[in-house]
Protein backbone atom coordinates (compact mmCIF):
# COMPACT_ATOMS: atom_id res chain seq x y z
CA MET A 1 61.51 94.89 98.07
CA GLY A 2 58.80 97.32 99.17
CA ASP A 3 56.48 99.28 96.95
CA PRO A 4 58.56 100.10 93.82
CA THR A 5 58.59 103.57 92.30
CA THR A 6 59.99 105.18 89.18
CA ILE A 7 62.67 107.86 89.23
CA GLN A 8 64.10 109.78 86.31
CA LEU A 9 67.86 109.79 85.85
CA ASP A 10 70.06 111.34 83.21
CA LYS A 11 71.54 108.81 80.81
CA SER A 12 75.00 109.76 82.05
CA VAL A 13 73.99 108.79 85.61
CA VAL A 14 72.66 105.42 84.41
CA LYS A 15 75.92 104.86 82.51
CA SER A 16 77.92 105.65 85.64
CA LEU A 17 75.76 103.30 87.71
CA LYS A 18 76.35 100.51 85.19
CA GLN A 19 80.12 101.08 85.42
CA ILE A 20 80.26 100.80 89.22
CA LYS A 21 78.14 97.67 89.65
CA GLU A 22 79.93 95.12 91.82
CA HIS A 23 78.60 92.27 89.66
CA PRO A 24 76.58 92.20 86.41
CA ARG A 25 73.33 90.99 88.00
CA GLN A 26 73.35 93.61 90.76
CA THR A 27 70.18 95.68 90.61
CA TYR A 28 70.18 99.45 90.70
CA ASN A 29 68.18 99.19 93.92
CA GLU A 30 70.96 97.11 95.53
CA LEU A 31 73.63 99.41 94.17
CA ILE A 32 71.96 102.60 95.37
CA SER A 33 71.23 101.05 98.78
CA ARG A 34 74.91 100.15 99.11
CA MET A 35 75.92 103.67 98.08
CA ILE A 36 73.59 105.13 100.71
CA GLU A 37 75.17 102.98 103.45
CA LEU A 38 78.67 103.98 102.35
CA PHE A 39 77.68 107.65 102.32
CA LYS A 40 76.20 107.40 105.82
CA ASN A 41 79.41 105.81 107.13
CA VAL A 42 81.59 108.47 105.54
CA LYS A 43 79.37 111.22 106.90
CA LYS A 44 79.44 109.69 110.39
CA ARG A 45 83.24 109.41 110.27
CA ASN A 46 83.56 113.03 109.09
CA GLN A 47 81.35 114.21 111.94
CA TYR A 48 83.59 112.34 114.38
CA ASP A 49 86.71 113.89 112.83
CA GLU A 50 85.18 117.37 113.04
CA PHE A 51 84.25 116.74 116.68
CA LEU A 52 87.83 115.73 117.52
CA HIS A 53 89.21 118.73 115.64
CA LYS A 54 87.02 121.13 117.63
CA ILE A 55 88.09 119.56 120.92
CA GLN A 56 91.74 119.73 119.93
CA GLN A 57 91.58 123.37 118.82
CA GLN A 58 91.23 124.71 122.36
CA LYS A 59 94.03 122.53 123.72
CA MET A 60 96.34 123.48 120.84
CA LYS A 61 95.59 127.13 121.48
CA GLU A 62 96.59 126.65 125.14
CA ILE A 63 99.79 124.88 124.12
CA TRP A 64 100.92 127.31 121.42
CA ASP A 65 99.65 130.64 122.75
CA ASN A 66 101.65 131.06 125.94
CA LYS A 67 104.18 133.52 127.32
CA GLU A 68 107.01 130.96 127.60
CA ASP A 69 106.98 130.26 123.87
CA GLU A 70 106.79 133.95 123.02
CA ALA A 71 109.91 134.59 125.15
CA TRP A 72 111.87 132.09 123.05
CA GLU A 73 110.96 133.92 119.84
CA ASP A 74 113.10 136.89 120.94
CA ALA A 75 116.04 134.77 122.13
């Protein structure tokens, strides 16, 4: 571990951290590091999903907004 520091946390946060430990001897440093990695992965996946959604929006607009489909609405 690098140069340790002290951070202040609400007692409720410490209680929550204790409840989500993967094993009793897991340190808060290990736990928070793991949480950071999980958060980064979720964020990366969400960015990818948003990217795909933006790409698909234009194609869906082309597919659904056309004269042929509008003609069928009045049939």
